[in-house]
Protein backbone atom coordinates (compact mmCIF):
# COMPACT_ATOMS: atom_id res chain seq x y z
CA UNK A 1 -8.75 -5.69 -12.58
CA UNK A 2 -7.89 -8.17 -10.02
CA UNK A 3 -6.56 -7.87 -6.40
CA UNK A 4 -3.70 -10.53 -6.43
CA UNK A 5 -2.17 -10.19 -2.88
CA UNK A 6 -3.67 -9.02 0.10
CA UNK A 7 -1.26 -9.02 3.26
CA UNK A 8 -2.96 -7.43 6.26
CA UNK A 9 -1.34 -5.78 9.37
CA UNK A 10 -0.26 -8.22 12.13
CA UNK A 11 -2.03 -6.52 15.13
CA UNK A 12 -0.40 -8.23 17.96
CA UNK A 13 3.03 -7.49 16.73
CA UNK A 14 2.20 -3.90 15.97
CA UNK A 15 0.74 -3.73 19.63
CA UNK A 16 3.93 -5.31 20.88
CA UNK A 17 6.00 -2.58 18.83
CA UNK A 18 4.71 -0.25 21.66
CA UNK A 19 5.83 -2.12 24.56
CA UNK A 20 8.02 -0.64 27.41
CA UNK A 21 11.29 -1.54 28.37
CA UNK A 22 13.10 -2.09 25.22
CA UNK A 23 10.69 -4.97 24.14
CA UNK A 24 8.72 -2.76 21.63
CA UNK A 25 12.20 -1.72 20.18
CA UNK A 26 13.32 -5.33 19.85
CA UNK A 27 9.87 -6.00 18.30
CA UNK A 28 10.21 -3.36 15.62
CA UNK A 29 13.68 -3.92 14.68
CA UNK A 30 12.78 -7.64 14.17
CA UNK A 31 9.82 -6.94 11.82
CA UNK A 32 11.90 -4.48 10.23
CA UNK A 33 14.72 -6.96 9.61
CA UNK A 34 12.30 -9.54 8.17
CA UNK A 35 10.52 -6.90 5.99
CA UNK A 36 7.27 -7.60 7.75
CA UNK A 37 4.77 -5.01 6.38
CA UNK A 38 1.33 -5.11 4.74
CA UNK A 39 1.27 -5.31 1.08
CA UNK A 40 -1.39 -5.11 -1.67
CA UNK A 41 -0.99 -6.16 -5.47
CA UNK A 42 -3.36 -5.68 -8.42
CA UNK A 43 -3.24 -6.86 -11.87
CA UNK A 44 -5.39 -5.07 -14.67
CA UNK A 45 -6.35 -5.50 -18.29
CA UNK A 46 -8.28 -3.51 -20.53
CA UNK A 47 -9.84 -4.42 -23.86
CA UNK A 48 -11.27 -2.61 -26.60
CA UNK A 49 -15.04 -3.44 -26.49
CA UNK A 50 -15.41 -3.38 -30.41
CA UNK A 51 -12.45 -5.53 -31.35
CA UNK A 52 -11.43 -7.29 -28.31
CA UNK A 53 -7.84 -6.20 -28.57
CA UNK A 54 -6.06 -5.48 -25.24
CA UNK A 55 -5.06 -1.67 -25.04
CA UNK A 56 -3.79 -1.45 -21.49
CA UNK A 57 -1.98 -3.86 -19.16
CA UNK A 58 -1.09 -2.54 -15.67
CA UNK A 59 0.32 -4.14 -12.37
CA UNK A 60 1.48 -2.89 -9.04
CA UNK A 61 2.62 -3.90 -5.53
CA UNK A 62 2.64 -1.50 -2.75
CA UNK A 63 3.32 -1.90 0.94
CA UNK A 64 2.55 0.26 3.78
CA UNK A 65 3.56 3.69 4.42
CA UNK A 66 6.23 4.43 6.96
CA UNK A 67 5.34 6.60 10.00
CA UNK A 68 6.85 7.24 13.20
CA UNK A 69 3.74 6.42 15.16
CA UNK A 70 1.34 4.24 13.47
CA UNK A 71 -2.08 3.77 14.60
CA UNK A 72 -3.22 1.97 11.44
CA UNK A 73 -1.60 -0.85 12.66
CA UNK A 74 -3.95 -1.74 15.34
CA UNK A 75 -6.72 -2.85 13.06
CA UNK A 76 -6.62 -5.61 10.36
CA UNK A 77 -6.54 -4.32 6.60
CA UNK A 78 -6.25 -0.51 7.44
CA UNK A 79 -3.00 -0.24 5.45
CA UNK A 80 -4.48 -1.98 2.56
CA UNK A 81 -7.57 0.64 2.49
CA UNK A 82 -4.72 3.42 2.35
CA UNK A 83 -3.21 1.58 -0.47
CA UNK A 84 -6.26 1.28 -2.43
CA UNK A 85 -7.01 4.76 -2.00
CA UNK A 86 -3.65 5.99 -3.52
CA UNK A 87 -4.14 3.63 -6.23
CA UNK A 88 -7.55 5.15 -7.03
CA UNK A 89 -6.01 8.72 -6.86
CA UNK A 90 -3.36 7.59 -9.33
CA UNK A 91 -5.81 6.38 -11.72
CA UNK A 92 -7.59 9.75 -11.72
CA UNK A 93 -4.50 11.45 -12.55
CA UNK A 94 -3.66 8.89 -15.37
CA UNK A 95 -6.90 9.63 -16.81
CA UNK A 96 -6.63 13.39 -16.42
CA UNK A 97 -3.01 13.58 -17.72
CA UNK A 98 -1.88 15.51 -20.54
CA UNK A 99 0.10 13.93 -23.40
CA UNK A 100 3.71 13.69 -22.44
CA UNK A 101 3.04 14.46 -18.63
CA UNK A 102 4.57 12.20 -15.91
CA UNK A 103 2.79 11.27 -12.89
CA UNK A 104 4.52 11.26 -9.57
CA UNK A 105 4.27 8.24 -7.28
CA UNK A 106 2.89 8.84 -3.82
CA UNK A 107 4.78 9.50 -0.92
CA UNK A 108 6.33 6.50 1.26
CA UNK A 109 6.39 8.51 4.58
CA UNK A 110 3.44 10.11 6.41
CA UNK A 111 3.25 12.12 9.40
CA UNK A 112 -0.36 11.52 10.55
CA UNK A 113 -0.71 8.52 12.77
CA UNK A 114 -4.05 7.40 11.60
């Protein structure tokens, strides 16, 4: 398993997003229009130890969750930690699933600011 992409939070732009007098709204709108979000991606390959045959290939790319008030944006890589936590929860669900059961994706919106 390898992390192939890590794009951290832009702390200064996130802080400017809370500036008064409409400056914050302009910065937030510009970041949204440019698609400027923290992202992370991984690729995984699982081999059978006895035969060396590849039995699983997996890849995923996620971006930060949307929140009305986002305190995670004031520290570098905080959104990345949350993305990796979500991946670990999904892998546990994959390992525990019953045959034919579908795994629901994680939410893209959160209410908690931290």
